[in-house]
Amino acid sequence: MISTISRRYSLDEYRAIEEKAEERSEYRDGEIVPMPGGTLKHSRIGRNILTYFTSVLRDTQFEPINSDLRLWIPEYQRGVYPDVMIFNGEPQLNANRFDEVLNPTLIVEVLSPSTADYDRQNKFRMYRSIESFSEYLLVEQDEPFVERYSKQAQGWLLSDFSGLELSISLDSISIELPMAEIYRGVVFE
């Protein structure tokens, strides 16, 4: 029987590694987990959402940010990279670090086969520990389908959107997000 010992990293070690890394990794309470590469569809969808939000939210108090910025989740000691985050006002930096934020209002994850379960379950549970977080979009790559979770007084409400003719009402930022904008230029087989 072969046993393997996986190394645990301190948060400072992870941050030092991440600052120099060519590829991003998530920090999971001592573990460094490489993030899988994306696909053309994934990249187009993420770009489309960010571009739409940037245009529509210009001159408002809301700021969309891409996946280059790390979200720190203190309760779980996790550093993750959502595909898109929106902040209501100034993003709150973690301990004055310019590469980690704490307070998104809305988070978007474009689902991949390798990460879909994690995004829906464990990651969503961790995101819910963030006080400012109130809306979550899970976007499919292979069909025009989006799951929207919105924070309500009694818990989280799920709404499904299927088809390019629909729009998603985003209460946290007071706009409509057309499905056709999410999937602009995406070809489905």
Foldseek 3Di string as FASTA:
>chain_A
DDDDDDFFDDPVVQVVCQVPDPFAWKHFRRDTGGDDDDDPLQVLLLVLVQVVCCVVCPPAQKDKDAQQAWEAQVVGRMTHGFGMFMQRHDFDADVPDPRYGYATQETEHEDDPVCNVVVVPVVVVSQVSRPNHAKYWYAYRQFLKIWIWGQDPVGIDIDIDHDQQDWDQDPSSGDIHGSCSSRPPRDHD
